[in-house]
């Protein structure tokens, strides 16, 4: 069984409270959708929109690097998708994994998953898409870059991390298959306490200053 939203929030706050810090200051909630303005980190000018959509289980960011990039979450029934009173997208899956996504003040999307137990899935898949995006590549340090046909960067994902209920680091990595990214949480090398919290951070403006 997947953790409930309060259980997932409690698990995250116990080991990584910073996940809920530095949130976007001006989000609008309308039904099952959250929207916010994306600002250029250098000029402060508005140049895009960020959206969390519970009906479609997606998050989209259009920022300084150009095209809108969309993340589609895995939904395994019976599942629950909802927007919380804190303007977060929650996806509770039959896989035993609950994912909470919140928007940061630099208009990135932090995607934090709580793995309930040893019986839960320890692989968390994400499907990315954008007009003109042709590949996702991993660079030194573990970040992922979204590239177009000219190998120009249009967004990316920060290195993955995972912590168990005692705050112990759990080995984790990304696996790439086309435009699909799977975060793998590997508990085979040790004994870990559950629930386990795993997190990637992704967006467009965050990567506008990356040199690759």
C-alpha atoms as a PDB file:
ATOM      1  CA  UNK A   1       0.000   0.000   0.000  1.00  0.00           C
ATOM      2  CA  UNK A   2       1.273   3.453  -0.886  1.00  0.00           C
ATOM      3  CA  UNK A   3       1.811   5.953   1.906  1.00  0.00           C
ATOM      4  CA  UNK A   4      -0.971   8.472   2.348  1.00  0.00           C
ATOM      5  CA  UNK A   5      -0.125  12.107   1.697  1.00  0.00           C
ATOM      6  CA  UNK A   6       0.332  12.862   5.446  1.00  0.00           C
ATOM      7  CA  UNK A   7       2.508   9.772   5.852  1.00  0.00           C
ATOM      8  CA  UNK A   8       4.658  10.767   2.870  1.00  0.00           C
ATOM      9  CA  UNK A   9       4.999  14.348   4.107  1.00  0.00           C
ATOM     10  CA  UNK A  10       6.023  13.106   7.559  1.00  0.00           C
ATOM     11  CA  UNK A  11       8.615  10.745   6.056  1.00  0.00           C
ATOM     12  CA  UNK A  12      10.114  13.535   3.951  1.00  0.00           C
ATOM     13  CA  UNK A  13      10.136  16.076   6.782  1.00  0.00           C
ATOM     14  CA  UNK A  14      11.889  13.573   9.062  1.00  0.00           C
ATOM     15  CA  UNK A  15      14.978  13.223   6.857  1.00  0.00           C
ATOM     16  CA  UNK A  16      14.887  16.039   4.274  1.00  0.00           C
ATOM     17  CA  UNK A  17      12.794  18.997   5.503  1.00  0.00           C
ATOM     18  CA  UNK A  18      14.549  21.241   2.991  1.00  0.00           C
ATOM     19  CA  UNK A  19      12.355  19.668   0.297  1.00  0.00           C
ATOM     20  CA  UNK A  20       9.526  21.934   1.402  1.00  0.00           C
ATOM     21  CA  UNK A  21      11.667  25.070   1.732  1.00  0.00           C
ATOM     22  CA  UNK A  22      12.210  27.707  -0.940  1.00  0.00           C
ATOM     23  CA  UNK A  23       8.853  27.137  -2.617  1.00  0.00           C
ATOM     24  CA  UNK A  24       7.488  29.303  -5.410  1.00  0.00           C
ATOM     25  CA  UNK A  25       6.005  32.435  -3.795  1.00  0.00           C
ATOM     26  CA  UNK A  26       3.051  32.917  -6.099  1.00  0.00           C
ATOM     27  CA  UNK A  27       1.187  29.809  -7.220  1.00  0.00           C
ATOM     28  CA  UNK A  28      -2.433  29.717  -8.331  1.00  0.00           C
ATOM     29  CA  UNK A  29      -4.637  26.686  -7.643  1.00  0.00           C
ATOM     30  CA  UNK A  30      -7.674  26.177  -9.863  1.00  0.00           C
ATOM     31  CA  UNK A  31      -9.385  22.826  -9.421  1.00  0.00           C
ATOM     32  CA  UNK A  32      -6.869  20.076 -10.086  1.00  0.00           C
ATOM     33  CA  UNK A  33      -4.223  22.368 -11.568  1.00  0.00           C
ATOM     34  CA  UNK A  34      -1.464  24.576 -10.176  1.00  0.00           C
ATOM     35  CA  UNK A  35       0.178  27.319 -12.240  1.00  0.00           C
ATOM     36  CA  UNK A  36       2.965  29.788 -11.600  1.00  0.00           C
ATOM     37  CA  UNK A  37       5.067  32.292 -13.490  1.00  0.00           C
ATOM     38  CA  UNK A  38       8.603  31.372 -14.528  1.00  0.00           C
ATOM     39  CA  UNK A  39      11.078  34.250 -14.292  1.00  0.00           C
ATOM     40  CA  UNK A  40      14.412  34.588 -16.044  1.00  0.00           C
ATOM     41  CA  UNK A  41      17.019  34.074 -13.283  1.00  0.00           C
ATOM     42  CA  UNK A  42      19.245  36.801 -14.760  1.00  0.00           C
ATOM     43  CA  UNK A  43      16.748  39.520 -15.695  1.00  0.00           C
ATOM     44  CA  UNK A  44      13.826  38.743 -13.397  1.00  0.00           C
ATOM     45  CA  UNK A  45      11.468  39.070 -16.370  1.00  0.00           C
ATOM     46  CA  UNK A  46       8.563  36.656 -16.759  1.00  0.00           C
ATOM     47  CA  UNK A  47       9.275  34.274 -19.607  1.00  0.00           C
ATOM     48  CA  UNK A  48       7.125  31.200 -19.101  1.00  0.00           C
ATOM     49  CA  UNK A  49       4.676  29.176 -17.084  1.00  0.00           C
ATOM     50  CA  UNK A  50       4.941  26.151 -14.825  1.00  0.00           C
ATOM     51  CA  UNK A  51       1.982  23.787 -14.396  1.00  0.00           C
ATOM     52  CA  UNK A  52       1.133  20.833 -12.175  1.00  0.00           C
ATOM     53  CA  UNK A  53      -1.899  18.907 -13.424  1.00  0.00           C
ATOM     54  CA  UNK A  54      -3.521  16.196 -11.290  1.00  0.00           C
ATOM     55  CA  UNK A  55      -6.061  15.187 -13.936  1.00  0.00           C
ATOM     56  CA  UNK A  56      -3.321  14.265 -16.410  1.00  0.00           C
ATOM     57  CA  UNK A  57      -0.629  13.429 -13.811  1.00  0.00           C
ATOM     58  CA  UNK A  58       1.848  15.795 -15.479  1.00  0.00           C
ATOM     59  CA  UNK A  59       4.159  18.668 -14.651  1.00  0.00           C
ATOM     60  CA  UNK A  60       5.232  21.158 -17.322  1.00  0.00           C
ATOM     61  CA  UNK A  61       7.818  23.939 -17.351  1.00  0.00           C
ATOM     62  CA  UNK A  62       8.426  26.545 -20.016  1.00  0.00           C
ATOM     63  CA  UNK A  63      11.318  28.831 -19.176  1.00  0.00           C
ATOM     64  CA  UNK A  64      14.370  30.654 -20.408  1.00  0.00           C
ATOM     65  CA  UNK A  65      15.687  27.757 -22.510  1.00  0.00           C
ATOM     66  CA  UNK A  66      12.706  27.761 -24.860  1.00  0.00           C
ATOM     67  CA  UNK A  67      10.271  24.892 -25.392  1.00  0.00           C
ATOM     68  CA  UNK A  68       7.876  23.608 -22.783  1.00  0.00           C
ATOM     69  CA  UNK A  69       9.131  20.409 -21.166  1.00  0.00           C
ATOM     70  CA  UNK A  70       6.559  17.997 -19.719  1.00  0.00           C
ATOM     71  CA  UNK A  71       6.979  15.191 -17.208  1.00  0.00           C
ATOM     72  CA  UNK A  72       4.365  12.440 -17.191  1.00  0.00           C
ATOM     73  CA  UNK A  73       4.160  10.474 -13.953  1.00  0.00           C
ATOM     74  CA  UNK A  74       3.554   6.760 -13.768  1.00  0.00           C
ATOM     75  CA  UNK A  75       0.009   5.988 -12.607  1.00  0.00           C
ATOM     76  CA  UNK A  76      -0.649   2.393 -11.572  1.00  0.00           C
ATOM     77  CA  UNK A  77      -4.232   1.697 -10.550  1.00  0.00           C
ATOM     78  CA  UNK A  78      -5.714   1.814  -8.041  1.00  0.00           C
ATOM     79  CA  UNK A  79      -4.125   5.227  -7.792  1.00  0.00           C
ATOM     80  CA  UNK A  80      -4.938   8.671  -6.446  1.00  0.00           C
ATOM     81  CA  UNK A  81      -3.804  11.939  -8.011  1.00  0.00           C
ATOM     82  CA  UNK A  82      -4.633  15.243  -6.364  1.00  0.00           C
ATOM     83  CA  UNK A  83      -3.564  18.824  -5.765  1.00  0.00           C
ATOM     84  CA  UNK A  84      -3.037  19.600  -2.077  1.00  0.00           C
ATOM     85  CA  UNK A  85      -3.896  22.748  -0.163  1.00  0.00           C
ATOM     86  CA  UNK A  86      -0.168  23.560  -0.329  1.00  0.00           C
ATOM     87  CA  UNK A  87      -0.247  23.594  -4.155  1.00  0.00           C
ATOM     88  CA  UNK A  88       1.555  20.270  -4.499  1.00  0.00           C
ATOM     89  CA  UNK A  89       0.807  17.383  -6.852  1.00  0.00           C
ATOM     90  CA  UNK A  90       0.421  14.034  -5.090  1.00  0.00           C
ATOM     91  CA  UNK A  91       0.382  10.677  -6.891  1.00  0.00           C
ATOM     92  CA  UNK A  92      -0.318   7.610  -4.733  1.00  0.00           C
ATOM     93  CA  UNK A  93       0.375   4.428  -6.706  1.00  0.00           C
ATOM     94  CA  UNK A  94      -0.536   0.783  -6.271  1.00  0.00           C
ATOM     95  CA  UNK A  95       3.225   0.158  -6.515  1.00  0.00           C
ATOM     96  CA  UNK A  96       3.586   1.251  -2.873  1.00  0.00           C
ATOM     97  CA  UNK A  97       5.167   4.562  -3.867  1.00  0.00           C
ATOM     98  CA  UNK A  98       3.727   8.025  -3.232  1.00  0.00           C
ATOM     99  CA  UNK A  99       5.184  10.980  -5.110  1.00  0.00           C
ATOM    100  CA  UNK A 100       4.812  14.592  -4.003  1.00  0.00           C
ATOM    101  CA  UNK A 101       5.850  17.339  -6.424  1.00  0.00           C
ATOM    102  CA  UNK A 102       6.295  20.968  -5.428  1.00  0.00           C
ATOM    103  CA  UNK A 103       7.452  24.047  -7.327  1.00  0.00           C
ATOM    104  CA  UNK A 104      10.620  25.771  -6.144  1.00  0.00           C
ATOM    105  CA  UNK A 105      11.287  29.497  -6.130  1.00  0.00           C
ATOM    106  CA  UNK A 106      13.438  29.130  -9.271  1.00  0.00           C
ATOM    107  CA  UNK A 107      10.484  27.415 -10.996  1.00  0.00           C
ATOM    108  CA  UNK A 108      11.955  23.948 -10.953  1.00  0.00           C
ATOM    109  CA  UNK A 109       9.895  20.898  -9.999  1.00  0.00           C
ATOM    110  CA  UNK A 110      11.059  18.857  -7.031  1.00  0.00           C
ATOM    111  CA  UNK A 111       9.734  15.305  -7.282  1.00  0.00           C
ATOM    112  CA  UNK A 112      10.012  13.449  -3.973  1.00  0.00           C
ATOM    113  CA  UNK A 113       8.884   9.837  -3.739  1.00  0.00           C
ATOM    114  CA  UNK A 114       8.284   7.821  -0.581  1.00  0.00           C
ATOM    115  CA  UNK A 115       8.813   4.061  -0.846  1.00  0.00           C
ATOM    116  CA  UNK A 116       6.673   2.425   1.804  1.00  0.00           C
ATOM    117  CA  UNK A 117       8.268  -0.974   2.397  1.00  0.00           C
ATOM    118  CA  UNK A 118      10.572  -3.686   1.019  1.00  0.00           C
ATOM    119  CA  UNK A 119       7.594  -4.994  -0.977  1.00  0.00           C
ATOM    120  CA  UNK A 120       7.130  -1.655  -2.793  1.00  0.00           C
ATOM    121  CA  UNK A 121       8.614  -0.897  -6.198  1.00  0.00           C
ATOM    122  CA  UNK A 122      12.133   0.520  -5.974  1.00  0.00           C
ATOM    123  CA  UNK A 123      12.122   1.846  -9.527  1.00  0.00           C
ATOM    124  CA  UNK A 124      10.346   5.132 -10.241  1.00  0.00           C
ATOM    125  CA  UNK A 125       9.780   5.886 -13.941  1.00  0.00           C
ATOM    126  CA  UNK A 126       9.268   9.309 -15.519  1.00  0.00           C
ATOM    127  CA  UNK A 127       8.462  10.105 -19.160  1.00  0.00           C
ATOM    128  CA  UNK A 128       9.716  13.457 -20.473  1.00  0.00           C
ATOM    129  CA  UNK A 129       8.696  15.205 -23.676  1.00  0.00           C
ATOM    130  CA  UNK A 130       9.184  18.535 -25.453  1.00  0.00           C
ATOM    131  CA  UNK A 131       8.994  19.850 -28.993  1.00  0.00           C
ATOM    132  CA  UNK A 132      12.349  19.164 -30.581  1.00  0.00           C
ATOM    133  CA  UNK A 133      13.796  17.129 -27.709  1.00  0.00           C
ATOM    134  CA  UNK A 134      15.674  14.156 -29.145  1.00  0.00           C
ATOM    135  CA  UNK A 135      17.812  12.797 -26.305  1.00  0.00           C
ATOM    136  CA  UNK A 136      18.594  12.753 -22.607  1.00  0.00           C
ATOM    137  CA  UNK A 137      22.239  12.378 -21.619  1.00  0.00           C
ATOM    138  CA  UNK A 138      23.995  11.961 -18.285  1.00  0.00           C
ATOM    139  CA  UNK A 139      26.993  14.167 -17.506  1.00  0.00           C
ATOM    140  CA  UNK A 140      29.735  13.912 -14.900  1.00  0.00           C
ATOM    141  CA  UNK A 141      28.279  14.304 -11.437  1.00  0.00           C
ATOM    142  CA  UNK A 142      25.044  12.516 -12.244  1.00  0.00           C
ATOM    143  CA  UNK A 143      22.939  15.306 -13.750  1.00  0.00           C
ATOM    144  CA  UNK A 144      20.849  14.664 -16.860  1.00  0.00           C
ATOM    145  CA  UNK A 145      20.508  17.078 -19.763  1.00  0.00           C
ATOM    146  CA  UNK A 146      17.630  17.340 -22.244  1.00  0.00           C
ATOM    147  CA  UNK A 147      18.997  18.015 -25.733  1.00  0.00           C
ATOM    148  CA  UNK A 148      17.423  18.972 -29.040  1.00  0.00           C
ATOM    149  CA  UNK A 149      18.485  17.788 -32.509  1.00  0.00           C
ATOM    150  CA  UNK A 150      21.278  20.400 -32.524  1.00  0.00           C
ATOM    151  CA  UNK A 151      22.484  19.160 -29.131  1.00  0.00           C
ATOM    152  CA  UNK A 152      21.339  22.410 -27.570  1.00  0.00           C
ATOM    153  CA  UNK A 153      20.192  22.079 -23.978  1.00  0.00           C
ATOM    154  CA  UNK A 154      16.519  22.685 -23.205  1.00  0.00           C
ATOM    155  CA  UNK A 155      16.390  21.480 -19.595  1.00  0.00           C
ATOM    156  CA  UNK A 156      17.676  18.863 -17.223  1.00  0.00           C
ATOM    157  CA  UNK A 157      17.505  16.848 -14.035  1.00  0.00           C
ATOM    158  CA  UNK A 158      19.714  17.273 -10.959  1.00  0.00           C
ATOM    159  CA  UNK A 159      21.558  14.255  -9.499  1.00  0.00           C
ATOM    160  CA  UNK A 160      19.363  11.715  -7.736  1.00  0.00           C
ATOM    161  CA  UNK A 161      19.482  11.092  -3.999  1.00  0.00           C
ATOM    162  CA  UNK A 162      17.731   8.754  -1.588  1.00  0.00           C
ATOM    163  CA  UNK A 163      17.598   8.513   2.211  1.00  0.00           C
ATOM    164  CA  UNK A 164      16.164   5.874   4.486  1.00  0.00           C
ATOM    165  CA  UNK A 165      14.062   6.594   7.594  1.00  0.00           C
ATOM    166  CA  UNK A 166      17.226   6.983   9.701  1.00  0.00           C
ATOM    167  CA  UNK A 167      18.721   9.496   7.288  1.00  0.00           C
ATOM    168  CA  UNK A 168      21.182   6.988   5.839  1.00  0.00           C
ATOM    169  CA  UNK A 169      22.062   7.491   2.179  1.00  0.00           C
ATOM    170  CA  UNK A 170      20.707   4.765  -0.100  1.00  0.00           C
ATOM    171  CA  UNK A 171      22.457   4.018  -3.421  1.00  0.00           C
ATOM    172  CA  UNK A 172      20.418   5.384  -6.296  1.00  0.00           C
ATOM    173  CA  UNK A 173      20.923   6.116  -9.976  1.00  0.00           C
ATOM    174  CA  UNK A 174      19.136   7.085 -13.166  1.00  0.00           C
ATOM    175  CA  UNK A 175      18.598   4.772 -16.104  1.00  0.00           C
ATOM    176  CA  UNK A 176      17.771   6.353 -19.464  1.00  0.00           C
ATOM    177  CA  UNK A 177      15.722   4.790 -22.245  1.00  0.00           C
ATOM    178  CA  UNK A 178      15.060   7.300 -24.994  1.00  0.00           C
ATOM    179  CA  UNK A 179      13.146  10.128 -23.322  1.00  0.00           C
ATOM    180  CA  UNK A 180      12.199   7.977 -20.350  1.00  0.00           C
ATOM    181  CA  UNK A 181      14.111   8.228 -17.095  1.00  0.00           C
ATOM    182  CA  UNK A 182      13.884   5.717 -14.253  1.00  0.00           C
ATOM    183  CA  UNK A 183      15.240   6.407 -10.793  1.00  0.00           C
ATOM    184  CA  UNK A 184      16.509   3.124  -9.352  1.00  0.00           C
ATOM    185  CA  UNK A 185      16.821   2.868  -5.570  1.00  0.00           C
ATOM    186  CA  UNK A 186      19.202  -0.022  -4.843  1.00  0.00           C
ATOM    187  CA  UNK A 187      18.782  -1.561  -1.391  1.00  0.00           C
ATOM    188  CA  UNK A 188      20.729  -4.733  -2.233  1.00  0.00           C
ATOM    189  CA  UNK A 189      23.986  -3.501  -0.726  1.00  0.00           C
ATOM    190  CA  UNK A 190      22.785  -2.918   2.835  1.00  0.00           C
ATOM    191  CA  UNK A 191      20.047  -2.953   5.436  1.00  0.00           C
ATOM    192  CA  UNK A 192      17.851   0.135   5.319  1.00  0.00           C
ATOM    193  CA  UNK A 193      14.935   1.451   7.342  1.00  0.00           C
ATOM    194  CA  UNK A 194      11.627   2.216   5.658  1.00  0.00           C
ATOM    195  CA  UNK A 195      10.086   4.386   4.411  1.00  0.00           C
ATOM    196  CA  UNK A 196      12.767   5.477   1.949  1.00  0.00           C
ATOM    197  CA  UNK A 197      12.625   8.942   0.395  1.00  0.00           C
ATOM    198  CA  UNK A 198      14.022   9.508  -3.129  1.00  0.00           C
ATOM    199  CA  UNK A 199      14.232  12.745  -5.052  1.00  0.00           C
ATOM    200  CA  UNK A 200      15.122  14.263  -8.397  1.00  0.00           C
ATOM    201  CA  UNK A 201      14.842  18.001  -9.136  1.00  0.00           C
ATOM    202  CA  UNK A 202      14.243  19.065 -12.735  1.00  0.00           C
ATOM    203  CA  UNK A 203      13.443  22.109 -14.799  1.00  0.00           C
ATOM    204  CA  UNK A 204      14.724  24.531 -17.402  1.00  0.00           C
ATOM    205  CA  UNK A 205      15.971  27.736 -15.749  1.00  0.00           C
ATOM    206  CA  UNK A 206      18.006  25.691 -13.258  1.00  0.00           C
ATOM    207  CA  UNK A 207      20.153  24.439 -16.145  1.00  0.00           C
ATOM    208  CA  UNK A 208      20.440  27.682 -18.139  1.00  0.00           C
ATOM    209  CA  UNK A 209      23.904  28.336 -16.651  1.00  0.00           C
ATOM    210  CA  UNK A 210      25.244  24.794 -17.033  1.00  0.00           C
ATOM    211  CA  UNK A 211      28.378  24.468 -19.158  1.00  0.00           C
ATOM    212  CA  UNK A 212      28.596  21.085 -20.860  1.00  0.00           C
END
